[in-house]
Structure formats: C-alpha cells, structure tokens
Amino acid sequence: MANIIEITDFEAPELDVFTRLTENQLLNRHEPEKGIFIAESPKVIERALAAGCRPAAFLAEKGRVRGETWEIVERFPELPVFTAEFEVLSKMTGYNLTRGMLCAMYRPAPKTIEEVAQGARRLAILENVVNPTNVGAIFRSAAALNIDAVILTPDCSNPLYRRAIRVSMGTVFQIPWAFVDKELSWPEEGIKKLKSLGFRTAALALSDDSVSIDDPKLMSEEKLALILGTEGDGLAKATIADCDYTVRIPMSHGVDSLNVAAASAVAFWQLGRKK
C-alpha cells in the first residue's frame, strides 16, 4: 500500500528537496554520498530505477497519483508520496510537473574513466560545457547515435542537474558517464589517459588543418574519442594541439559553426556508425 501524504503544511521541511534546495545543495559536495537528484515524469523515473538509482520520496499531482504513477509508487510502500492539487504544486514548484510526478533519488556512486571506457568503441568528451540544456541534449544524441559513454571535464554542468535530466529524457541513466578526476590535469593528462586506453582523439574545431567529418581514415578508427568544447569559445588550443585529429563539419550559406549540442548530433551520426 502506497504511503500517500496530502500536503497541508507547505513549509514542511520534507518538501525542501522538491521546492527549496538549489542544485548545488542537492549535489552536496561536502557529503556526496548524501547527494540527491530530482527525476521528472514516470518515464524518466523508470529509466533511473532501471539504472539502479534508489528513490527517497515522491511528489505527485493528486489527480494522477492513482493513474500512471501508481505502478511506480506501489513498489515502494515505505516511501512518502506527497500529493496536492495541480494548482498547489505549480505554485510550490514554480512550474508544471512533467506528467504530474517528481521523484527525489539518491545520487549513484561516481564512475571512473576506466570503468565507463571499458569495452567502448566511441566516447564523447565534453570540455567545459556549462549549460545543462546542452549537456542533456548531447546525452540524448549519444544514446540514440551509438556513443558508448560520455566523459566530462570538471567544469561541465552535472548530468544529474534537473534540467539536464529533463532534456535528456532520462538517457543520462542509460549512457555510462564519468567526470575527469580533478587531480588529473586537462587536457594534458586527461588526453594521455584516453590514449593509454587505446583511443585516438578527435577535436571538433574550426581549424585550417582540419579533416572532414567523413574522412575515411577517421571513420575507420577502431576506438575514437570525440571531444566537444564549451559554448561560444569551443575547445582550448591546448586540447586541439594534443589531439590526433582536428575535425570540421562542412557548412553552407556562410554559417561557420553549430551549437555544441547540434554539432554533437551530426558528429555522433557520422562517426558512431557501427561497422
């Protein structure tokens, strides 16, 4: 039997996780083992559960709690399911709940580069991509277009930020990912690590000495890490210099570049194809 609790005290501390804590507070850098993330919509919550994430509490629209959300909450009778009418929840959270449901979940233990790269053929490396919308969109493209894992430099937006999860449609739980260890300098030691794991590295950048994204030699690489840079400035010069390839997407109509999320989709489609 689900533990349904109708909200009567909107200031109750149990609701802080859904309504008042910032992303950094949810992340809990001082005690990462106590970190929380918020998954929105039954589909995304199901993907998180399938990946082994543990739920802590639910927040559901009253009219939906016995609808499509019921199959989820009845699996966890010991957990609170806070409910209220649509208008109340919209006022509390500041936006409409996606398909009427949120779930606070414990953050999984972080993975290492070695763990996510094991058995991989294609990696996406994100360098200082700070917009969570872009991170989420890149993950969605990675999942759809044969990228095996994603590695992020320390200054990237966290894939478990609420907006990144939402934009990714939960694919952040389907694609293995890891942050570059802060003790590992980027790009020097980070790229050396990738090469030690057998990956050739390809920097997506605007450069006169670049090769086209459909270059036969590039496409034939057995193990390839595609490196994408921050919004606006792109990849650092040192990163480009350390890579085996500099790759450019051919453009038309005088357009010189694409948004990093759009560029990732093109690159993944071309270079993620299975032999």
Protein backbone atom coordinates (compact mmCIF):
# COMPACT_ATOMS: atom_id res chain seq x y z
CA MET A 1 0.00 0.00 0.00
CA ALA A 2 1.47 3.33 -1.06
CA ASN A 3 2.24 5.83 1.70
CA ILE A 4 0.25 8.80 0.34
CA ILE A 5 0.56 12.05 2.31
CA GLU A 6 -1.60 15.01 1.32
CA ILE A 7 0.28 18.28 1.71
CA THR A 8 -1.23 20.59 4.32
CA ASP A 9 1.88 22.44 5.52
CA PHE A 10 3.62 23.96 2.51
CA GLU A 11 6.63 24.90 4.65
CA ALA A 12 7.24 21.34 5.84
CA PRO A 13 10.99 20.59 5.68
CA GLU A 14 10.27 17.26 3.97
CA LEU A 15 9.34 19.25 0.86
CA ASP A 16 12.59 21.24 0.74
CA VAL A 17 14.18 18.73 -1.61
CA PHE A 18 11.49 19.38 -4.21
CA THR A 19 10.91 23.09 -3.80
CA ARG A 20 13.63 24.99 -1.98
CA LEU A 21 17.06 23.37 -2.37
CA THR A 22 19.38 24.59 -5.13
CA GLU A 23 21.18 22.23 -7.49
CA ASN A 24 24.40 22.72 -5.53
CA GLN A 25 22.64 21.90 -2.28
CA LEU A 26 21.16 18.77 -3.83
CA LEU A 27 24.61 17.78 -5.10
CA ASN A 28 26.02 18.07 -1.55
CA ARG A 29 29.70 18.37 -2.46
CA HIS A 30 30.77 18.04 1.20
CA GLU A 31 28.94 14.73 1.66
CA PRO A 32 28.44 13.34 -1.87
CA GLU A 33 27.11 10.05 -0.54
CA LYS A 34 24.08 12.02 0.70
CA GLY A 35 23.54 13.78 -2.61
CA ILE A 36 20.08 13.85 -4.20
CA PHE A 37 18.78 14.48 -7.70
CA ILE A 38 15.26 15.09 -8.98
CA ALA A 39 13.78 12.94 -11.75
CA GLU A 40 10.68 14.20 -13.54
CA SER A 41 7.92 12.16 -15.21
CA PRO A 42 7.18 8.43 -14.91
CA LYS A 43 9.29 7.57 -17.99
CA VAL A 44 12.42 9.27 -16.65
CA ILE A 45 11.88 7.83 -13.17
CA GLU A 46 11.58 4.34 -14.66
CA ARG A 47 14.86 4.81 -16.53
CA ALA A 48 16.57 5.92 -13.33
CA LEU A 49 15.19 2.92 -11.43
CA ALA A 50 16.32 0.57 -14.21
CA ALA A 51 19.83 2.01 -13.85
CA GLY A 52 19.84 1.10 -10.15
CA CYS A 53 19.11 4.52 -8.65
CA ARG A 54 17.34 4.47 -5.28
CA PRO A 55 14.25 6.66 -4.67
CA ALA A 56 13.85 8.69 -1.47
CA ALA A 57 10.43 10.34 -1.88
CA PHE A 58 7.79 11.20 -4.47
CA LEU A 59 5.80 14.33 -5.23
CA ALA A 60 2.73 13.73 -7.37
CA GLU A 61 -0.28 15.61 -8.63
CA LYS A 62 -3.31 14.41 -6.70
CA GLY A 63 -5.33 13.60 -9.79
CA ARG A 64 -2.56 11.39 -11.20
CA VAL A 65 -1.32 9.52 -8.14
CA ARG A 66 -3.62 6.58 -8.86
CA GLY A 67 -3.10 6.77 -12.60
CA GLU A 68 0.11 6.12 -14.49
CA THR A 69 2.23 6.91 -11.41
CA TRP A 70 0.62 4.16 -9.33
CA GLU A 71 2.71 1.32 -10.72
CA ILE A 72 5.83 3.11 -9.56
CA VAL A 73 4.82 4.26 -6.09
CA GLU A 74 3.23 0.96 -5.10
CA ARG A 75 6.66 -0.69 -5.45
CA PHE A 76 7.94 1.48 -2.59
CA PRO A 77 5.29 1.38 0.16
CA GLU A 78 7.79 2.57 2.75
CA LEU A 79 8.46 5.87 0.95
CA PRO A 80 6.37 9.04 1.29
CA VAL A 81 4.27 10.11 -1.69
CA PHE A 82 3.42 13.78 -1.16
CA THR A 83 0.36 14.94 -3.11
CA ALA A 84 -1.61 18.11 -3.75
CA GLU A 85 -3.84 19.58 -6.43
CA PHE A 86 -2.28 20.72 -9.72
CA GLU A 87 -2.61 24.43 -8.90
CA VAL A 88 -0.96 24.00 -5.49
CA LEU A 89 2.00 22.04 -6.87
CA SER A 90 2.53 24.53 -9.70
CA LYS A 91 2.65 27.34 -7.15
CA MET A 92 5.01 25.41 -4.86
CA THR A 93 7.49 24.35 -7.51
CA GLY A 94 7.19 27.35 -9.82
CA TYR A 95 6.36 25.22 -12.88
CA ASN A 96 4.04 22.46 -14.03
CA LEU A 97 5.16 18.98 -13.08
CA THR A 98 6.14 16.89 -16.09
CA ARG A 99 3.32 14.34 -16.40
CA GLY A 100 2.40 15.05 -12.80
CA MET A 101 5.29 13.46 -10.91
CA LEU A 102 8.70 14.13 -9.36
CA CYS A 103 10.97 11.70 -7.56
CA ALA A 104 13.85 12.59 -5.25
CA MET A 105 16.54 9.95 -5.71
CA TYR A 106 19.94 9.26 -4.21
CA ARG A 107 22.88 10.02 -6.47
CA PRO A 108 24.72 6.89 -7.62
CA ALA A 109 28.38 6.40 -6.79
CA PRO A 110 30.60 8.16 -9.35
CA LYS A 111 32.34 6.09 -12.02
CA THR A 112 35.92 6.38 -13.27
CA ILE A 113 37.08 6.96 -16.82
CA GLU A 114 38.40 3.40 -16.91
CA GLU A 115 35.02 1.99 -15.88
CA VAL A 116 32.96 3.83 -18.48
CA ALA A 117 35.53 3.29 -21.26
CA GLN A 118 35.75 -0.46 -20.75
CA GLY A 119 34.52 -2.18 -23.90
CA ALA A 120 33.65 1.15 -25.52
CA ARG A 121 34.25 1.93 -29.19
CA ARG A 122 33.13 5.56 -29.27
CA LEU A 123 33.40 8.12 -26.47
CA ALA A 124 32.13 11.69 -26.26
CA ILE A 125 34.29 14.05 -24.21
CA LEU A 126 32.73 17.34 -23.08
CA GLU A 127 35.13 20.16 -22.26
CA ASN A 128 33.61 22.84 -20.01
CA VAL A 129 30.09 22.54 -21.44
CA VAL A 130 28.30 24.58 -18.79
CA ASN A 131 24.72 24.75 -19.99
CA PRO A 132 22.65 21.86 -18.56
CA THR A 133 20.31 22.03 -21.56
CA ASN A 134 23.24 21.34 -23.88
CA VAL A 135 24.53 18.55 -21.65
CA GLY A 136 21.12 16.90 -21.64
CA ALA A 137 20.73 17.23 -25.41
CA ILE A 138 24.20 15.76 -26.00
CA PHE A 139 23.34 12.75 -23.85
CA ARG A 140 20.13 12.18 -25.78
CA SER A 141 22.04 12.24 -29.07
CA ALA A 142 24.74 9.99 -27.62
CA ALA A 143 22.17 7.39 -26.59
CA ALA A 144 20.43 7.49 -29.96
CA LEU A 145 23.54 7.50 -32.16
CA ASN A 146 25.84 4.75 -30.89
CA ILE A 147 28.07 6.62 -28.43
CA ASP A 148 29.09 4.21 -25.69
CA ALA A 149 29.97 6.62 -22.87
CA VAL A 150 30.40 10.30 -22.02
CA ILE A 151 33.29 11.85 -20.10
CA LEU A 152 33.06 15.39 -18.73
CA THR A 153 35.78 17.78 -17.57
CA PRO A 154 35.29 19.12 -14.01
CA ASP A 155 33.78 22.47 -15.03
CA CYS A 156 30.94 20.89 -17.04
CA SER A 157 27.38 21.07 -15.85
CA ASN A 158 26.42 17.94 -13.92
CA PRO A 159 24.33 15.45 -15.94
CA LEU A 160 22.11 14.96 -12.87
CA TYR A 161 21.02 18.58 -12.71
CA ARG A 162 17.25 18.65 -13.06
CA ARG A 163 17.21 20.40 -16.44
CA ALA A 164 19.89 18.13 -17.90
CA ILE A 165 17.90 15.05 -16.87
CA ARG A 166 14.70 16.52 -18.29
CA VAL A 167 16.21 17.49 -21.65
CA SER A 168 17.97 14.14 -21.96
CA MET A 169 14.65 12.32 -21.42
CA GLY A 170 16.43 10.18 -18.84
CA THR A 171 19.20 8.99 -21.16
CA VAL A 172 21.73 10.20 -18.58
CA PHE A 173 20.78 6.94 -16.84
CA GLN A 174 21.31 4.81 -19.94
CA ILE A 175 24.72 6.06 -21.09
CA PRO A 176 27.67 5.48 -18.71
CA TRP A 177 29.45 8.72 -17.78
CA ALA A 178 32.24 9.99 -15.59
CA PHE A 179 33.97 13.22 -14.71
CA VAL A 180 37.67 13.65 -15.31
CA ASP A 181 39.29 13.39 -11.89
CA LYS A 182 40.22 16.85 -10.60
CA GLU A 183 43.67 15.52 -9.78
CA LEU A 184 44.15 14.70 -13.46
CA SER A 185 45.13 17.82 -15.40
CA TRP A 186 43.11 18.55 -18.51
CA PRO A 187 43.92 18.35 -21.36
CA GLU A 188 47.46 17.04 -20.89
CA GLU A 189 46.99 14.11 -18.52
CA GLY A 190 43.35 13.54 -19.48
CA ILE A 191 44.12 13.01 -23.14
CA LYS A 192 47.11 10.84 -22.24
CA LYS A 193 44.72 8.71 -20.20
CA LEU A 194 42.39 8.31 -23.18
CA LYS A 195 45.29 7.32 -25.42
CA SER A 196 46.55 4.83 -22.83
CA LEU A 197 43.13 3.18 -23.04
CA GLY A 198 43.57 2.75 -26.80
CA PHE A 199 41.54 5.72 -28.06
CA ARG A 200 42.52 8.02 -30.86
CA THR A 201 41.29 11.54 -30.13
CA ALA A 202 39.38 13.87 -32.44
CA ALA A 203 38.83 17.55 -31.58
CA LEU A 204 35.75 19.12 -33.18
CA ALA A 205 37.04 22.59 -34.01
CA LEU A 206 37.23 25.27 -36.68
CA SER A 207 40.76 24.95 -37.98
CA ASP A 208 42.53 25.29 -41.31
CA ASP A 209 44.28 21.93 -40.88
CA SER A 210 41.12 20.01 -40.01
CA VAL A 211 39.82 16.93 -41.78
CA SER A 212 36.22 16.50 -42.86
CA ILE A 213 33.95 14.55 -40.57
CA ASP A 214 33.55 11.89 -43.28
CA ASP A 215 37.31 11.37 -43.70
CA PRO A 216 37.79 7.62 -44.40
CA LYS A 217 40.77 7.23 -42.06
CA LEU A 218 38.91 8.95 -39.23
CA MET A 219 35.83 6.81 -39.75
CA SER A 220 37.87 3.62 -39.76
CA GLU A 221 39.41 4.19 -36.32
CA GLU A 222 38.61 1.26 -34.07
CA LYS A 223 38.38 3.36 -30.89
CA LEU A 224 37.69 7.08 -31.13
CA ALA A 225 37.07 9.81 -28.54
CA LEU A 226 35.18 12.82 -29.91
CA ILE A 227 35.98 15.98 -27.96
CA LEU A 228 33.50 18.88 -27.94
CA GLY A 229 34.15 22.31 -26.46
CA THR A 230 32.41 24.90 -24.37
CA GLU A 231 29.64 27.11 -25.69
CA GLY A 232 30.92 30.10 -27.60
CA ASP A 233 34.68 29.62 -27.38
CA GLY A 234 34.86 25.95 -28.34
CA LEU A 235 37.87 23.82 -27.44
CA ALA A 236 41.01 25.18 -25.81
CA LYS A 237 44.02 25.50 -28.13
CA ALA A 238 45.97 23.09 -25.92
CA THR A 239 43.25 20.46 -26.31
CA ILE A 240 43.26 20.78 -30.09
CA ALA A 241 47.05 20.54 -30.17
CA ASP A 242 47.06 17.35 -28.10
CA CYS A 243 44.51 15.50 -30.25
CA ASP A 244 45.27 13.11 -33.11
CA TYR A 245 42.70 14.74 -35.41
CA THR A 246 41.04 18.11 -35.76
CA VAL A 247 37.62 17.56 -37.31
CA ARG A 248 35.34 20.03 -39.01
CA ILE A 249 31.70 19.68 -40.03
CA PRO A 250 31.24 21.11 -43.56
CA MET A 251 28.91 24.14 -43.56
CA SER A 252 26.91 26.06 -46.14
CA HIS A 253 25.33 29.52 -46.51
CA GLY A 254 28.25 31.18 -44.75
CA VAL A 255 27.46 29.58 -41.40
CA ASP A 256 30.71 28.98 -39.51
CA SER A 257 29.59 26.76 -36.63
CA LEU A 258 26.78 24.92 -34.88
CA ASN A 259 25.61 24.93 -31.30
CA VAL A 260 27.57 22.27 -29.40
CA ALA A 261 24.50 20.05 -28.95
CA ALA A 262 23.65 20.23 -32.66
CA ALA A 263 27.30 19.58 -33.60
CA SER A 264 27.36 16.55 -31.32
CA ALA A 265 24.36 15.01 -33.10
CA VAL A 266 26.00 15.43 -36.52
CA ALA A 267 29.32 14.02 -35.28
CA PHE A 268 27.70 11.09 -33.49
CA TRP A 269 25.63 10.20 -36.54
CA GLN A 270 28.64 10.18 -38.84
CA LEU A 271 31.27 8.67 -36.56
CA GLY A 272 29.15 6.45 -34.33
CA ARG A 273 28.02 4.19 -37.14
CA LYS A 274 28.69 0.55 -36.48
CA LYS A 275 30.87 -1.31 -38.92
